[in-house]
Amino acid sequence: MSEEAIPEAFRRRLLLVDDEINILSALKRLLRQDKYDIMTANNGQEALDALKENPVDVIVTDQRMPGMTGVEFLRLAKESYPDTIRIVLSGYTELQSVTDAVNEGAVYKFLTKPWDDVQLRGHVAEAFRRKEMADENLRLQRQLQIANSALESTNHALDKLLREQEERIENDEVSLQITHEILAHVSTPILGIDDEKNIVFINAAAQELLGHSNTFLGMKMARNAPQLEQALNQASTEIIFHNERYKVLTHPMGKNSRSKGKLMTLIKLDAS
């Protein structure tokens, strides 16, 4: 891929800082072959101004410059642009000040003058790889944060839904218990019959009518109350039961609920 064809977002931006024009030109000529997007500055203040306009990935600066040393410039660059990778070129005479800057994190690597071309190119390439790895880790951390946030929101929504379902189930159970209690104590005989014609509900009045001595719950209608079994297929009919006349009303269940079968109500008619 040619230098011109590299997308803007993927260009490797390099800032070179040196007050000597010939050294700056030599550095630029050496590193241009690695397809970097190279910016230059002749002093620390000019470099800070350039960083405000164009963010860079790697900075290579001379140490001995008028007005502001390279280490002083890199300390300021670290404060405003902590993600940059910072390299200083220096002679051995400035070793102590540069070492202090390396120890405090303002400088990533210290290279001596005169430099070796191959080594310098290798160190700059390594700096870019370090920066790109840090950027990728940051991107993955942000993606993980977004995924965790989405997962947390989903869990909250599921917890809320589960609580609402539990509340509905609890309310339904309470309503069912109340309904059973009402039906159990109402004075009219009422029976619940499932699709297999088993007695699945019988209130006290119906139990008394059919006979206290027998347990009818779960038993077949045909065996315990054949007259009532014959009335199941009719919405309304009259029967003689224990020498008394009853109107039998049957209501199919399941229209407004998940219940199956029929509800049977027996209304005693007067002798007339």
C-alpha atoms as a PDB file:
ATOM      1  CA  MET A   1       0.000   0.000   0.000  1.00  0.00           C
ATOM      2  CA  SER A   2       1.429   3.405  -0.951  1.00  0.00           C
ATOM      3  CA  GLU A   3       1.843   6.205   1.577  1.00  0.00           C
ATOM      4  CA  GLU A   4      -0.918   8.206  -0.098  1.00  0.00           C
ATOM      5  CA  ALA A   5      -3.339   5.248   0.042  1.00  0.00           C
ATOM      6  CA  ILE A   6      -3.070   4.744   3.822  1.00  0.00           C
ATOM      7  CA  PRO A   7      -6.384   5.775   5.458  1.00  0.00           C
ATOM      8  CA  GLU A   8      -6.130   8.810   7.737  1.00  0.00           C
ATOM      9  CA  ALA A   9      -7.306   6.863  10.817  1.00  0.00           C
ATOM     10  CA  PHE A  10      -4.483   4.281  10.385  1.00  0.00           C
ATOM     11  CA  ARG A  11      -1.528   6.594   9.637  1.00  0.00           C
ATOM     12  CA  ARG A  12       1.356   6.428  12.089  1.00  0.00           C
ATOM     13  CA  ARG A  13       2.048  10.022  13.146  1.00  0.00           C
ATOM     14  CA  LEU A  14       5.565  10.910  14.289  1.00  0.00           C
ATOM     15  CA  LEU A  15       6.754  14.243  15.714  1.00  0.00           C
ATOM     16  CA  LEU A  16      10.485  15.088  15.396  1.00  0.00           C
ATOM     17  CA  VAL A  17      11.836  17.948  17.527  1.00  0.00           C
ATOM     18  CA  ASP A  18      15.349  19.405  17.143  1.00  0.00           C
ATOM     19  CA  ASP A  19      16.717  22.934  16.946  1.00  0.00           C
ATOM     20  CA  GLU A  20      19.347  21.933  14.370  1.00  0.00           C
ATOM     21  CA  ILE A  21      17.836  21.937  10.889  1.00  0.00           C
ATOM     22  CA  ASN A  22      20.376  19.521   9.442  1.00  0.00           C
ATOM     23  CA  ILE A  23      19.737  16.925  12.179  1.00  0.00           C
ATOM     24  CA  LEU A  24      15.980  17.332  11.756  1.00  0.00           C
ATOM     25  CA  SER A  25      16.339  16.801   8.007  1.00  0.00           C
ATOM     26  CA  ALA A  26      18.519  13.728   8.541  1.00  0.00           C
ATOM     27  CA  LEU A  27      16.012  12.187  10.935  1.00  0.00           C
ATOM     28  CA  LYS A  28      13.126  12.900   8.593  1.00  0.00           C
ATOM     29  CA  ARG A  29      15.012  11.432   5.625  1.00  0.00           C
ATOM     30  CA  LEU A  30      15.888   8.301   7.612  1.00  0.00           C
ATOM     31  CA  LEU A  31      12.410   7.619   8.975  1.00  0.00           C
ATOM     32  CA  ARG A  32      10.402   8.629   5.916  1.00  0.00           C
ATOM     33  CA  GLN A  33      11.123   5.239   4.327  1.00  0.00           C
ATOM     34  CA  ASP A  34       8.997   3.600   7.051  1.00  0.00           C
ATOM     35  CA  LYS A  35       5.892   5.421   5.749  1.00  0.00           C
ATOM     36  CA  TYR A  36       5.310   7.534   8.866  1.00  0.00           C
ATOM     37  CA  ASP A  37       3.271  10.724   8.761  1.00  0.00           C
ATOM     38  CA  ILE A  38       6.068  13.004   9.971  1.00  0.00           C
ATOM     39  CA  MET A  39       5.705  16.398  11.651  1.00  0.00           C
ATOM     40  CA  THR A  40       8.661  18.542  12.702  1.00  0.00           C
ATOM     41  CA  ALA A  41       9.335  21.329  15.201  1.00  0.00           C
ATOM     42  CA  ASN A  42      12.478  23.340  16.022  1.00  0.00           C
ATOM     43  CA  ASN A  43      11.877  23.768  19.768  1.00  0.00           C
ATOM     44  CA  GLY A  44       9.721  22.610  22.666  1.00  0.00           C
ATOM     45  CA  GLN A  45       7.136  25.381  22.464  1.00  0.00           C
ATOM     46  CA  GLU A  46       6.693  24.930  18.733  1.00  0.00           C
ATOM     47  CA  ALA A  47       6.220  21.205  19.331  1.00  0.00           C
ATOM     48  CA  LEU A  48       3.555  21.837  21.999  1.00  0.00           C
ATOM     49  CA  ASP A  49       1.708  24.113  19.595  1.00  0.00           C
ATOM     50  CA  ALA A  50       1.884  21.415  16.898  1.00  0.00           C
ATOM     51  CA  LEU A  51       0.445  18.818  19.296  1.00  0.00           C
ATOM     52  CA  LYS A  52      -2.588  21.037  19.898  1.00  0.00           C
ATOM     53  CA  GLU A  53      -3.367  20.959  16.175  1.00  0.00           C
ATOM     54  CA  ASN A  54      -2.474  17.351  15.325  1.00  0.00           C
ATOM     55  CA  PRO A  55      -2.359  14.414  17.776  1.00  0.00           C
ATOM     56  CA  VAL A  56       0.624  12.128  17.280  1.00  0.00           C
ATOM     57  CA  ASP A  57       1.571   8.619  18.366  1.00  0.00           C
ATOM     58  CA  VAL A  58       5.346   8.889  18.890  1.00  0.00           C
ATOM     59  CA  ILE A  59       7.601  11.842  19.747  1.00  0.00           C
ATOM     60  CA  VAL A  60      11.374  11.879  19.162  1.00  0.00           C
ATOM     61  CA  THR A  61      13.091  14.962  20.569  1.00  0.00           C
ATOM     62  CA  ASP A  62      16.596  16.253  21.083  1.00  0.00           C
ATOM     63  CA  GLN A  63      17.560  16.977  24.699  1.00  0.00           C
ATOM     64  CA  ARG A  64      19.695  20.091  24.362  1.00  0.00           C
ATOM     65  CA  MET A  65      17.580  22.881  22.856  1.00  0.00           C
ATOM     66  CA  PRO A  66      17.325  26.590  23.665  1.00  0.00           C
ATOM     67  CA  GLY A  67      14.510  27.790  25.888  1.00  0.00           C
ATOM     68  CA  MET A  68      13.229  24.315  26.862  1.00  0.00           C
ATOM     69  CA  THR A  69      15.111  21.045  27.097  1.00  0.00           C
ATOM     70  CA  GLY A  70      13.766  17.910  25.523  1.00  0.00           C
ATOM     71  CA  VAL A  71      12.989  16.394  28.931  1.00  0.00           C
ATOM     72  CA  GLU A  72      11.109  19.538  29.996  1.00  0.00           C
ATOM     73  CA  PHE A  73       9.128  19.440  26.771  1.00  0.00           C
ATOM     74  CA  LEU A  74       8.290  15.732  27.218  1.00  0.00           C
ATOM     75  CA  ARG A  75       7.136  16.304  30.797  1.00  0.00           C
ATOM     76  CA  LEU A  76       4.648  18.894  29.515  1.00  0.00           C
ATOM     77  CA  ALA A  77       3.656  16.606  26.629  1.00  0.00           C
ATOM     78  CA  LYS A  78       2.981  13.771  29.056  1.00  0.00           C
ATOM     79  CA  GLU A  79       0.630  15.961  31.125  1.00  0.00           C
ATOM     80  CA  SER A  80      -1.564  16.884  28.138  1.00  0.00           C
ATOM     81  CA  TYR A  81      -0.989  13.837  25.927  1.00  0.00           C
ATOM     82  CA  PRO A  82      -0.237  10.883  28.240  1.00  0.00           C
ATOM     83  CA  ASP A  83      -0.910   8.271  25.530  1.00  0.00           C
ATOM     84  CA  THR A  84       2.015   9.375  23.358  1.00  0.00           C
ATOM     85  CA  ILE A  85       5.212   7.315  23.307  1.00  0.00           C
ATOM     86  CA  ARG A  86       8.112   9.668  24.080  1.00  0.00           C
ATOM     87  CA  ILE A  87      11.767   9.154  23.038  1.00  0.00           C
ATOM     88  CA  VAL A  88      14.682  11.498  23.755  1.00  0.00           C
ATOM     89  CA  LEU A  89      17.961  11.793  21.837  1.00  0.00           C
ATOM     90  CA  SER A  90      20.791  12.968  24.041  1.00  0.00           C
ATOM     91  CA  GLY A  91      24.540  12.968  24.592  1.00  0.00           C
ATOM     92  CA  TYR A  92      26.044  11.274  27.617  1.00  0.00           C
ATOM     93  CA  THR A  93      26.567  14.644  29.296  1.00  0.00           C
ATOM     94  CA  GLU A  94      22.784  14.915  29.952  1.00  0.00           C
ATOM     95  CA  LEU A  95      22.485  11.308  31.137  1.00  0.00           C
ATOM     96  CA  GLN A  96      21.373  12.084  34.701  1.00  0.00           C
ATOM     97  CA  SER A  97      18.496  14.419  33.774  1.00  0.00           C
ATOM     98  CA  VAL A  98      17.292  12.012  31.095  1.00  0.00           C
ATOM     99  CA  THR A  99      17.518   9.058  33.489  1.00  0.00           C
ATOM    100  CA  ASP A 100      15.358  10.920  35.996  1.00  0.00           C
ATOM    101  CA  ALA A 101      12.763  11.562  33.288  1.00  0.00           C
ATOM    102  CA  VAL A 102      12.779   7.886  32.293  1.00  0.00           C
ATOM    103  CA  ASN A 103      12.255   6.823  35.901  1.00  0.00           C
ATOM    104  CA  GLU A 104       9.271   9.145  36.367  1.00  0.00           C
ATOM    105  CA  GLY A 105       7.647   7.955  33.138  1.00  0.00           C
ATOM    106  CA  ALA A 106       8.007  11.131  31.087  1.00  0.00           C
ATOM    107  CA  VAL A 107      10.399   9.346  28.696  1.00  0.00           C
ATOM    108  CA  TYR A 108       9.820   5.883  27.232  1.00  0.00           C
ATOM    109  CA  LYS A 109      13.333   5.364  25.806  1.00  0.00           C
ATOM    110  CA  PHE A 110      16.660   7.180  25.860  1.00  0.00           C
ATOM    111  CA  LEU A 111      18.823   7.041  22.700  1.00  0.00           C
ATOM    112  CA  THR A 112      22.299   8.491  22.426  1.00  0.00           C
ATOM    113  CA  LYS A 113      23.846  10.695  19.786  1.00  0.00           C
ATOM    114  CA  PRO A 114      25.217   9.944  17.324  1.00  0.00           C
ATOM    115  CA  TRP A 115      22.606   7.320  16.606  1.00  0.00           C
ATOM    116  CA  ASP A 116      22.771   4.110  14.660  1.00  0.00           C
ATOM    117  CA  ASP A 117      20.301   4.279  11.768  1.00  0.00           C
ATOM    118  CA  VAL A 118      19.111   0.675  12.009  1.00  0.00           C
ATOM    119  CA  GLN A 119      18.734   0.824  15.773  1.00  0.00           C
ATOM    120  CA  LEU A 120      16.914   4.154  15.640  1.00  0.00           C
ATOM    121  CA  ARG A 121      14.441   2.850  13.067  1.00  0.00           C
ATOM    122  CA  GLY A 122      13.924  -0.270  15.164  1.00  0.00           C
ATOM    123  CA  HIS A 123      13.267   1.702  18.350  1.00  0.00           C
ATOM    124  CA  VAL A 124      10.785   4.001  16.609  1.00  0.00           C
ATOM    125  CA  ALA A 125       8.969   1.012  15.067  1.00  0.00           C
ATOM    126  CA  GLU A 126       8.830  -0.638  18.496  1.00  0.00           C
ATOM    127  CA  ALA A 127       7.373   2.567  19.962  1.00  0.00           C
ATOM    128  CA  PHE A 128       4.588   2.560  17.379  1.00  0.00           C
ATOM    129  CA  ARG A 129       3.823  -1.091  18.085  1.00  0.00           C
ATOM    130  CA  ARG A 130       3.636  -0.286  21.797  1.00  0.00           C
ATOM    131  CA  LYS A 131       1.268   2.616  21.131  1.00  0.00           C
ATOM    132  CA  GLU A 132      -0.971   0.538  18.859  1.00  0.00           C
ATOM    133  CA  MET A 133      -1.106  -2.277  21.411  1.00  0.00           C
ATOM    134  CA  ALA A 134      -2.112   0.215  24.108  1.00  0.00           C
ATOM    135  CA  ASP A 135      -4.790   1.679  21.807  1.00  0.00           C
ATOM    136  CA  GLU A 136      -6.131  -1.801  21.058  1.00  0.00           C
ATOM    137  CA  ASN A 137      -6.250  -2.672  24.760  1.00  0.00           C
ATOM    138  CA  LEU A 138      -8.125   0.557  25.437  1.00  0.00           C
ATOM    139  CA  ARG A 139     -10.573  -0.216  22.622  1.00  0.00           C
ATOM    140  CA  LEU A 140     -11.177  -3.716  23.991  1.00  0.00           C
ATOM    141  CA  GLN A 141     -11.663  -2.337  27.502  1.00  0.00           C
ATOM    142  CA  ARG A 142     -14.264   0.108  26.204  1.00  0.00           C
ATOM    143  CA  GLN A 143     -16.042  -2.656  24.289  1.00  0.00           C
ATOM    144  CA  LEU A 144     -16.012  -4.778  27.433  1.00  0.00           C
ATOM    145  CA  GLN A 145     -17.440  -1.891  29.454  1.00  0.00           C
ATOM    146  CA  ILE A 146     -20.195  -1.408  26.870  1.00  0.00           C
ATOM    147  CA  ALA A 147     -20.946  -5.151  26.838  1.00  0.00           C
ATOM    148  CA  ASN A 148     -20.983  -5.281  30.653  1.00  0.00           C
ATOM    149  CA  SER A 149     -23.275  -2.262  30.777  1.00  0.00           C
ATOM    150  CA  ALA A 150     -25.636  -3.867  28.251  1.00  0.00           C
ATOM    151  CA  LEU A 151     -25.537  -7.145  30.190  1.00  0.00           C
ATOM    152  CA  GLU A 152     -26.253  -5.314  33.437  1.00  0.00           C
ATOM    153  CA  SER A 153     -29.225  -3.536  31.841  1.00  0.00           C
ATOM    154  CA  THR A 154     -30.515  -6.854  30.483  1.00  0.00           C
ATOM    155  CA  ASN A 155     -30.164  -8.494  33.901  1.00  0.00           C
ATOM    156  CA  HIS A 156     -32.026  -5.611  35.540  1.00  0.00           C
ATOM    157  CA  ALA A 157     -34.816  -5.945  32.968  1.00  0.00           C
ATOM    158  CA  LEU A 158     -34.984  -9.719  33.502  1.00  0.00           C
ATOM    159  CA  ASP A 159     -35.013  -9.289  37.272  1.00  0.00           C
ATOM    160  CA  LYS A 160     -37.836  -6.774  36.980  1.00  0.00           C
ATOM    161  CA  LEU A 161     -39.791  -9.090  34.675  1.00  0.00           C
ATOM    162  CA  LEU A 162     -39.217 -12.022  37.032  1.00  0.00           C
ATOM    163  CA  ARG A 163     -40.412  -9.995  40.015  1.00  0.00           C
ATOM    164  CA  GLU A 164     -43.514  -8.908  38.106  1.00  0.00           C
ATOM    165  CA  GLN A 165     -44.245 -12.526  37.129  1.00  0.00           C
ATOM    166  CA  GLU A 166     -43.733 -13.677  40.710  1.00  0.00           C
ATOM    167  CA  GLU A 167     -46.103 -10.963  41.925  1.00  0.00           C
ATOM    168  CA  ARG A 168     -48.721 -11.997  39.341  1.00  0.00           C
ATOM    169  CA  ILE A 169     -48.373 -15.645  40.324  1.00  0.00           C
ATOM    170  CA  GLU A 170     -48.656 -14.734  43.993  1.00  0.00           C
ATOM    171  CA  ASN A 171     -51.724 -12.589  43.310  1.00  0.00           C
ATOM    172  CA  ASP A 172     -53.268 -15.371  41.211  1.00  0.00           C
ATOM    173  CA  GLU A 173     -52.649 -17.872  44.009  1.00  0.00           C
ATOM    174  CA  VAL A 174     -54.246 -15.546  46.548  1.00  0.00           C
ATOM    175  CA  SER A 175     -57.228 -14.983  44.242  1.00  0.00           C
ATOM    176  CA  LEU A 176     -57.533 -18.728  43.684  1.00  0.00           C
ATOM    177  CA  GLN A 177     -57.426 -19.398  47.424  1.00  0.00           C
ATOM    178  CA  ILE A 178     -60.108 -16.776  48.035  1.00  0.00           C
ATOM    179  CA  THR A 179     -62.258 -18.209  45.245  1.00  0.00           C
ATOM    180  CA  HIS A 180     -61.917 -21.724  46.646  1.00  0.00           C
ATOM    181  CA  GLU A 181     -62.803 -20.497  50.103  1.00  0.00           C
ATOM    182  CA  ILE A 182     -65.885 -18.664  48.823  1.00  0.00           C
ATOM    183  CA  LEU A 183     -67.064 -21.637  46.776  1.00  0.00           C
ATOM    184  CA  ALA A 184     -66.375 -24.021  49.636  1.00  0.00           C
ATOM    185  CA  HIS A 185     -68.661 -22.131  52.016  1.00  0.00           C
ATOM    186  CA  VAL A 186     -71.415 -20.990  49.675  1.00  0.00           C
ATOM    187  CA  SER A 187     -74.748 -22.665  50.492  1.00  0.00           C
ATOM    188  CA  THR A 188     -75.404 -23.766  46.911  1.00  0.00           C
ATOM    189  CA  PRO A 189     -73.934 -27.183  45.939  1.00  0.00           C
ATOM    190  CA  ILE A 190     -71.120 -26.686  43.425  1.00  0.00           C
ATOM    191  CA  LEU A 191     -68.894 -29.269  41.751  1.00  0.00           C
ATOM    192  CA  GLY A 192     -65.941 -29.011  39.372  1.00  0.00           C
ATOM    193  CA  ILE A 193     -65.673 -31.764  36.746  1.00  0.00           C
ATOM    194  CA  ASP A 194     -62.627 -32.257  34.509  1.00  0.00           C
ATOM    195  CA  ASP A 195     -62.641 -33.517  30.898  1.00  0.00           C
ATOM    196  CA  GLU A 196     -62.374 -37.136  32.112  1.00  0.00           C
ATOM    197  CA  LYS A 197     -65.512 -36.615  34.225  1.00  0.00           C
ATOM    198  CA  ASN A 198     -63.620 -36.787  37.486  1.00  0.00           C
ATOM    199  CA  ILE A 199     -64.782 -34.689  40.424  1.00  0.00           C
ATOM    200  CA  VAL A 200     -61.931 -32.221  40.982  1.00  0.00           C
ATOM    201  CA  PHE A 201     -63.787 -29.790  43.252  1.00  0.00           C
ATOM    202  CA  ILE A 202     -66.686 -30.214  45.614  1.00  0.00           C
ATOM    203  CA  ASN A 203     -67.851 -27.674  48.165  1.00  0.00           C
ATOM    204  CA  ALA A 204     -69.369 -28.412  51.572  1.00  0.00           C
ATOM    205  CA  ALA A 205     -72.957 -28.056  50.330  1.00  0.00           C
ATOM    206  CA  ALA A 206     -72.393 -30.546  47.503  1.00  0.00           C
ATOM    207  CA  GLN A 207     -70.576 -32.940  49.844  1.00  0.00           C
ATOM    208  CA  GLU A 208     -73.534 -32.831  52.197  1.00  0.00           C
ATOM    209  CA  LEU A 209     -75.977 -33.409  49.343  1.00  0.00           C
ATOM    210  CA  LEU A 210     -74.100 -36.401  47.941  1.00  0.00           C
ATOM    211  CA  GLY A 211     -73.372 -37.865  51.367  1.00  0.00           C
ATOM    212  CA  HIS A 212     -70.857 -37.171  54.126  1.00  0.00           C
ATOM    213  CA  SER A 213     -69.687 -40.754  54.365  1.00  0.00           C
ATOM    214  CA  ASN A 214     -68.032 -40.871  50.947  1.00  0.00           C
ATOM    215  CA  THR A 215     -64.932 -39.121  49.598  1.00  0.00           C
ATOM    216  CA  PHE A 216     -65.948 -37.786  46.182  1.00  0.00           C
ATOM    217  CA  LEU A 217     -62.892 -35.690  45.294  1.00  0.00           C
ATOM    218  CA  GLY A 218     -61.010 -37.388  42.459  1.00  0.00           C
ATOM    219  CA  MET A 219     -63.769 -39.973  41.874  1.00  0.00           C
ATOM    220  CA  LYS A 220     -65.778 -40.573  38.692  1.00  0.00           C
ATOM    221  CA  MET A 221     -69.127 -38.820  38.292  1.00  0.00           C
ATOM    222  CA  ALA A 222     -70.794 -41.885  36.757  1.00  0.00           C
ATOM    223  CA  ARG A 223     -69.947 -43.985  39.792  1.00  0.00           C
ATOM    224  CA  ASN A 224     -70.992 -41.546  42.514  1.00  0.00           C
ATOM    225  CA  ALA A 225     -73.644 -39.367  40.905  1.00  0.00           C
ATOM    226  CA  PRO A 226     -74.964 -40.916  37.665  1.00  0.00           C
ATOM    227  CA  GLN A 227     -77.896 -38.460  37.545  1.00  0.00           C
ATOM    228  CA  LEU A 228     -75.487 -35.528  37.552  1.00  0.00           C
ATOM    229  CA  GLU A 229     -73.232 -37.205  35.025  1.00  0.00           C
ATOM    230  CA  GLN A 230     -76.130 -37.297  32.558  1.00  0.00           C
ATOM    231  CA  ALA A 231     -76.657 -33.548  32.983  1.00  0.00           C
ATOM    232  CA  LEU A 232     -73.085 -32.622  32.060  1.00  0.00           C
ATOM    233  CA  ASN A 233     -73.833 -32.164  28.366  1.00  0.00           C
ATOM    234  CA  GLN A 234     -76.718 -29.772  28.973  1.00  0.00           C
ATOM    235  CA  ALA A 235     -76.428 -26.146  29.941  1.00  0.00           C
ATOM    236  CA  SER A 236     -79.567 -26.341  32.063  1.00  0.00           C
ATOM    237  CA  THR A 237     -81.786 -29.224  33.110  1.00  0.00           C
ATOM    238  CA  GLU A 238     -83.859 -30.478  36.021  1.00  0.00           C
ATOM    239  CA  ILE A 239     -83.325 -33.724  37.911  1.00  0.00           C
ATOM    240  CA  ILE A 240     -84.785 -35.589  40.877  1.00  0.00           C
ATOM    241  CA  PHE A 241     -82.100 -36.205  43.461  1.00  0.00           C
ATOM    242  CA  HIS A 242     -82.914 -37.779  46.853  1.00  0.00           C
ATOM    243  CA  ASN A 243     -86.612 -37.226  46.082  1.00  0.00           C
ATOM    244  CA  GLU A 244     -86.080 -33.518  45.590  1.00  0.00           C
ATOM    245  CA  ARG A 245     -86.093 -31.451  42.441  1.00  0.00           C
ATOM    246  CA  TYR A 246     -82.915 -29.571  41.429  1.00  0.00           C
ATOM    247  CA  LYS A 247     -82.096 -27.341  38.517  1.00  0.00           C
ATOM    248  CA  VAL A 248     -78.635 -28.210  37.270  1.00  0.00           C
ATOM    249  CA  LEU A 249     -76.578 -25.475  35.559  1.00  0.00           C
ATOM    250  CA  THR A 250     -73.313 -26.386  33.813  1.00  0.00           C
ATOM    251  CA  HIS A 251     -70.729 -23.848  32.756  1.00  0.00           C
ATOM    252  CA  PRO A 252     -67.729 -24.836  30.599  1.00  0.00           C
ATOM    253  CA  MET A 253     -64.411 -23.598  31.992  1.00  0.00           C
ATOM    254  CA  GLY A 254     -61.379 -22.398  30.000  1.00  0.00           C
ATOM    255  CA  LYS A 255     -62.897 -19.457  28.137  1.00  0.00           C
ATOM    256  CA  ASN A 256     -61.245 -16.894  30.404  1.00  0.00           C
ATOM    257  CA  SER A 257     -58.648 -19.111  32.070  1.00  0.00           C
ATOM    258  CA  ARG A 258     -56.530 -22.220  31.590  1.00  0.00           C
ATOM    259  CA  SER A 259     -59.053 -24.331  33.509  1.00  0.00           C
ATOM    260  CA  LYS A 260     -60.575 -27.328  31.752  1.00  0.00           C
ATOM    261  CA  GLY A 261     -63.822 -29.144  32.323  1.00  0.00           C
ATOM    262  CA  LYS A 262     -67.145 -27.862  33.661  1.00  0.00           C
ATOM    263  CA  LEU A 263     -68.510 -26.153  36.721  1.00  0.00           C
ATOM    264  CA  MET A 264     -71.815 -27.604  37.925  1.00  0.00           C
ATOM    265  CA  THR A 265     -74.262 -25.743  40.161  1.00  0.00           C
ATOM    266  CA  LEU A 266     -77.354 -27.348  41.733  1.00  0.00           C
ATOM    267  CA  ILE A 267     -80.260 -25.090  42.634  1.00  0.00           C
ATOM    268  CA  LYS A 268     -82.974 -26.665  44.772  1.00  0.00           C
ATOM    269  CA  LEU A 269     -86.495 -26.039  43.501  1.00  0.00           C
ATOM    270  CA  ASP A 270     -89.502 -25.705  45.825  1.00  0.00           C
ATOM    271  CA  ALA A 271     -92.173 -28.393  45.912  1.00  0.00           C
ATOM    272  CA  SER A 272     -94.552 -26.400  43.743  1.00  0.00           C
END
